[in-house]
Amino acid sequence: MMLALAACSVAVVFHRLYSTARDEIAAQSAAAVAQEKARAVALISAYADEVRRATVAELAGFHVDGLKHTLRRWDEANELVLGTFVWDPKDGIAGLSFPDGALPAAELQRWLTELREWRAAHLDDPAAPRAGGATHRSAVY
């Protein structure tokens, strides 16, 4: 009987130790998950703040430098851009405004005229025109 009582006591002690350890591990795990969530939220918030600051700074620079200066910087920084211009549809081709350093105005006007002629001749064809082996694309922002 003594041996059975001792065995039951040891089993109860081990069960309590196991329960305590299990609860402690669960608490530490929950704390680690909460800490990782807080760290992820902090990183995302910092990234969003950085993007917001950069966007505001870029927009402020755009306002200060003016449209033509910004377009010229974009031309110089992006080798895929052939030339930028400001076009008001009300003024037509005669109203094109070119930043300094862009492709010559006559060349851009000629390209725009060729593009319009091609589009007028190929209204049903959604493909971009090909001239001299190169594909021309236009983008409007």
C-alpha atoms as a PDB file:
ATOM      1  CA  MET A   1       0.000   0.000   0.000  1.00  0.00           C
ATOM      2  CA  MET A   2       2.833   2.367   0.840  1.00  0.00           C
ATOM      3  CA  LEU A   3       4.419   1.666  -2.484  1.00  0.00           C
ATOM      4  CA  ALA A   4       1.148   2.402  -4.337  1.00  0.00           C
ATOM      5  CA  LEU A   5       0.707   5.637  -2.368  1.00  0.00           C
ATOM      6  CA  ALA A   6       4.272   6.715  -3.195  1.00  0.00           C
ATOM      7  CA  ALA A   7       3.780   5.871  -6.864  1.00  0.00           C
ATOM      8  CA  CYS A   8       0.550   7.918  -6.980  1.00  0.00           C
ATOM      9  CA  SER A   9       2.280  10.853  -5.278  1.00  0.00           C
ATOM     10  CA  VAL A  10       5.133  10.751  -7.801  1.00  0.00           C
ATOM     11  CA  ALA A  11       2.610  10.557 -10.664  1.00  0.00           C
ATOM     12  CA  VAL A  12       0.701  13.594  -9.326  1.00  0.00           C
ATOM     13  CA  VAL A  13       3.948  15.581  -8.918  1.00  0.00           C
ATOM     14  CA  PHE A  14       5.074  14.683 -12.457  1.00  0.00           C
ATOM     15  CA  HIS A  15       1.654  15.586 -13.845  1.00  0.00           C
ATOM     16  CA  ARG A  16       1.786  18.995 -12.110  1.00  0.00           C
ATOM     17  CA  LEU A  17       5.331  19.592 -13.373  1.00  0.00           C
ATOM     18  CA  TYR A  18       4.252  18.633 -16.890  1.00  0.00           C
ATOM     19  CA  SER A  19       1.178  20.937 -16.730  1.00  0.00           C
ATOM     20  CA  THR A  20       3.261  23.818 -15.396  1.00  0.00           C
ATOM     21  CA  ALA A  21       5.919  23.353 -18.090  1.00  0.00           C
ATOM     22  CA  ARG A  22       3.263  23.068 -20.813  1.00  0.00           C
ATOM     23  CA  ASP A  23       1.557  26.285 -19.626  1.00  0.00           C
ATOM     24  CA  GLU A  24       4.897  28.090 -19.442  1.00  0.00           C
ATOM     25  CA  ILE A  25       5.866  26.991 -22.955  1.00  0.00           C
ATOM     26  CA  ALA A  26       2.463  28.094 -24.282  1.00  0.00           C
ATOM     27  CA  ALA A  27       2.850  31.501 -22.587  1.00  0.00           C
ATOM     28  CA  GLN A  28       6.370  31.966 -23.977  1.00  0.00           C
ATOM     29  CA  SER A  29       5.180  30.944 -27.428  1.00  0.00           C
ATOM     30  CA  ALA A  30       2.294  33.426 -27.290  1.00  0.00           C
ATOM     31  CA  ALA A  31       4.695  36.154 -26.131  1.00  0.00           C
ATOM     32  CA  ALA A  32       7.112  35.348 -28.983  1.00  0.00           C
ATOM     33  CA  VAL A  33       4.292  35.452 -31.543  1.00  0.00           C
ATOM     34  CA  ALA A  34       3.052  38.782 -30.151  1.00  0.00           C
ATOM     35  CA  GLN A  35       6.598  40.159 -30.251  1.00  0.00           C
ATOM     36  CA  GLU A  36       7.045  39.058 -33.893  1.00  0.00           C
ATOM     37  CA  LYS A  37       3.696  40.606 -34.832  1.00  0.00           C
ATOM     38  CA  ALA A  38       4.704  43.875 -33.167  1.00  0.00           C
ATOM     39  CA  ARG A  39       8.064  43.809 -34.975  1.00  0.00           C
ATOM     40  CA  ALA A  40       6.368  43.146 -38.326  1.00  0.00           C
ATOM     41  CA  VAL A  41       3.887  45.974 -37.733  1.00  0.00           C
ATOM     42  CA  ALA A  42       6.769  48.300 -36.819  1.00  0.00           C
ATOM     43  CA  LEU A  43       8.685  47.353 -39.986  1.00  0.00           C
ATOM     44  CA  ILE A  44       5.642  47.839 -42.196  1.00  0.00           C
ATOM     45  CA  SER A  45       4.851  51.167 -40.537  1.00  0.00           C
ATOM     46  CA  ALA A  46       8.443  52.341 -40.984  1.00  0.00           C
ATOM     47  CA  TYR A  47       8.395  51.304 -44.651  1.00  0.00           C
ATOM     48  CA  ALA A  48       5.055  53.050 -45.246  1.00  0.00           C
ATOM     49  CA  ASP A  49       6.379  56.205 -43.561  1.00  0.00           C
ATOM     50  CA  GLU A  50       9.519  56.108 -45.723  1.00  0.00           C
ATOM     51  CA  VAL A  51       7.471  55.694 -48.905  1.00  0.00           C
ATOM     52  CA  ARG A  52       5.186  58.542 -47.830  1.00  0.00           C
ATOM     53  CA  ARG A  53       8.172  60.821 -47.056  1.00  0.00           C
ATOM     54  CA  ALA A  54       9.844  59.970 -50.376  1.00  0.00           C
ATOM     55  CA  THR A  55       6.619  60.595 -52.293  1.00  0.00           C
ATOM     56  CA  VAL A  56       6.024  63.916 -50.573  1.00  0.00           C
ATOM     57  CA  ALA A  57       9.635  64.961 -51.217  1.00  0.00           C
ATOM     58  CA  GLU A  58       9.335  63.947 -54.872  1.00  0.00           C
ATOM     59  CA  LEU A  59       6.074  65.832 -55.283  1.00  0.00           C
ATOM     60  CA  ALA A  60       7.572  68.868 -53.552  1.00  0.00           C
ATOM     61  CA  GLY A  61      10.577  68.723 -55.878  1.00  0.00           C
ATOM     62  CA  PHE A  62       8.254  68.392 -58.846  1.00  0.00           C
ATOM     63  CA  HIS A  63       6.417  71.542 -57.778  1.00  0.00           C
ATOM     64  CA  VAL A  64       9.609  73.500 -57.099  1.00  0.00           C
ATOM     65  CA  ASP A  65      11.511  72.410 -60.222  1.00  0.00           C
ATOM     66  CA  GLY A  66       8.616  72.715 -62.578  1.00  0.00           C
ATOM     67  CA  LEU A  67       7.273  70.264 -65.102  1.00  0.00           C
ATOM     68  CA  LYS A  68       9.858  70.840 -67.842  1.00  0.00           C
ATOM     69  CA  HIS A  69      12.803  70.416 -65.467  1.00  0.00           C
ATOM     70  CA  THR A  70      11.307  67.230 -64.017  1.00  0.00           C
ATOM     71  CA  LEU A  71      10.736  65.793 -67.506  1.00  0.00           C
ATOM     72  CA  ARG A  72      14.318  66.632 -68.498  1.00  0.00           C
ATOM     73  CA  ARG A  73      15.648  64.865 -65.391  1.00  0.00           C
ATOM     74  CA  TRP A  74      13.468  61.857 -66.243  1.00  0.00           C
ATOM     75  CA  ASP A  75      14.848  61.845 -69.807  1.00  0.00           C
ATOM     76  CA  GLU A  76      18.411  61.912 -68.500  1.00  0.00           C
ATOM     77  CA  ALA A  77      17.858  59.255 -65.833  1.00  0.00           C
ATOM     78  CA  ASN A  78      15.969  56.725 -67.958  1.00  0.00           C
ATOM     79  CA  GLU A  79      17.758  55.471 -71.048  1.00  0.00           C
ATOM     80  CA  LEU A  80      14.582  53.809 -72.351  1.00  0.00           C
ATOM     81  CA  VAL A  81      12.812  57.169 -72.653  1.00  0.00           C
ATOM     82  CA  LEU A  82      13.298  58.672 -76.113  1.00  0.00           C
ATOM     83  CA  GLY A  83      11.907  62.059 -75.264  1.00  0.00           C
ATOM     84  CA  THR A  84       9.296  63.682 -73.133  1.00  0.00           C
ATOM     85  CA  PHE A  85       6.981  66.521 -73.940  1.00  0.00           C
ATOM     86  CA  VAL A  86       3.941  68.276 -72.602  1.00  0.00           C
ATOM     87  CA  TRP A  87       0.958  68.130 -74.890  1.00  0.00           C
ATOM     88  CA  ASP A  88      -2.336  69.888 -74.467  1.00  0.00           C
ATOM     89  CA  PRO A  89      -4.923  68.173 -76.721  1.00  0.00           C
ATOM     90  CA  LYS A  90      -6.683  71.514 -77.247  1.00  0.00           C
ATOM     91  CA  ASP A  91      -3.572  73.030 -78.833  1.00  0.00           C
ATOM     92  CA  GLY A  92      -2.685  70.014 -80.990  1.00  0.00           C
ATOM     93  CA  ILE A  93       0.806  69.379 -82.309  1.00  0.00           C
ATOM     94  CA  ALA A  94       1.568  73.081 -82.488  1.00  0.00           C
ATOM     95  CA  GLY A  95       1.165  73.304 -78.709  1.00  0.00           C
ATOM     96  CA  LEU A  96       3.834  70.730 -77.831  1.00  0.00           C
ATOM     97  CA  SER A  97       6.227  71.915 -75.148  1.00  0.00           C
ATOM     98  CA  PHE A  98       9.642  70.233 -74.968  1.00  0.00           C
ATOM     99  CA  PRO A  99      12.045  70.340 -72.012  1.00  0.00           C
ATOM    100  CA  ASP A 100      15.607  71.440 -72.689  1.00  0.00           C
ATOM    101  CA  GLY A 101      17.821  68.512 -73.599  1.00  0.00           C
ATOM    102  CA  ALA A 102      15.010  66.407 -75.045  1.00  0.00           C
ATOM    103  CA  LEU A 103      15.109  65.100 -78.589  1.00  0.00           C
ATOM    104  CA  PRO A 104      14.757  67.919 -81.099  1.00  0.00           C
ATOM    105  CA  ALA A 105      11.189  69.182 -81.290  1.00  0.00           C
ATOM    106  CA  ALA A 106      10.997  68.542 -85.049  1.00  0.00           C
ATOM    107  CA  GLU A 107      11.970  64.878 -84.588  1.00  0.00           C
ATOM    108  CA  LEU A 108       9.392  64.315 -81.842  1.00  0.00           C
ATOM    109  CA  GLN A 109       6.709  66.106 -83.868  1.00  0.00           C
ATOM    110  CA  ARG A 110       7.563  63.952 -86.908  1.00  0.00           C
ATOM    111  CA  TRP A 111       7.358  60.791 -84.785  1.00  0.00           C
ATOM    112  CA  LEU A 112       4.024  61.884 -83.314  1.00  0.00           C
ATOM    113  CA  THR A 113       2.660  62.624 -86.805  1.00  0.00           C
ATOM    114  CA  GLU A 114       3.799  59.197 -88.064  1.00  0.00           C
ATOM    115  CA  LEU A 115       2.219  57.531 -85.051  1.00  0.00           C
ATOM    116  CA  ARG A 116      -1.099  59.288 -85.636  1.00  0.00           C
ATOM    117  CA  GLU A 117      -1.052  58.396 -89.332  1.00  0.00           C
ATOM    118  CA  TRP A 118      -0.328  54.773 -88.514  1.00  0.00           C
ATOM    119  CA  ARG A 119      -3.106  54.630 -85.928  1.00  0.00           C
ATOM    120  CA  ALA A 120      -5.555  56.251 -88.337  1.00  0.00           C
ATOM    121  CA  ALA A 121      -4.661  53.658 -90.997  1.00  0.00           C
ATOM    122  CA  HIS A 122      -4.854  50.730 -88.545  1.00  0.00           C
ATOM    123  CA  LEU A 123      -7.827  51.484 -86.329  1.00  0.00           C
ATOM    124  CA  ASP A 124      -8.663  47.783 -85.932  1.00  0.00           C
ATOM    125  CA  ASP A 125      -5.064  46.713 -85.176  1.00  0.00           C
ATOM    126  CA  PRO A 126      -4.145  47.025 -81.467  1.00  0.00           C
ATOM    127  CA  ALA A 127      -0.443  46.248 -82.098  1.00  0.00           C
ATOM    128  CA  ALA A 128       2.120  49.021 -81.779  1.00  0.00           C
ATOM    129  CA  PRO A 129       3.519  50.470 -85.021  1.00  0.00           C
ATOM    130  CA  ARG A 130       6.885  49.265 -86.251  1.00  0.00           C
ATOM    131  CA  ALA A 131       9.236  51.704 -87.925  1.00  0.00           C
ATOM    132  CA  GLY A 132      12.804  50.923 -88.899  1.00  0.00           C
ATOM    133  CA  GLY A 133      12.761  47.616 -87.037  1.00  0.00           C
ATOM    134  CA  ALA A 134      11.916  49.212 -83.673  1.00  0.00           C
ATOM    135  CA  THR A 135       8.561  49.088 -81.957  1.00  0.00           C
ATOM    136  CA  HIS A 136       7.230  52.472 -80.920  1.00  0.00           C
ATOM    137  CA  ARG A 137       5.100  52.804 -77.827  1.00  0.00           C
ATOM    138  CA  SER A 138       3.564  55.851 -76.287  1.00  0.00           C
ATOM    139  CA  ALA A 139       2.472  56.304 -72.702  1.00  0.00           C
ATOM    140  CA  VAL A 140       0.259  59.013 -71.302  1.00  0.00           C
ATOM    141  CA  TYR A 141       0.447  60.022 -67.672  1.00  0.00           C
END
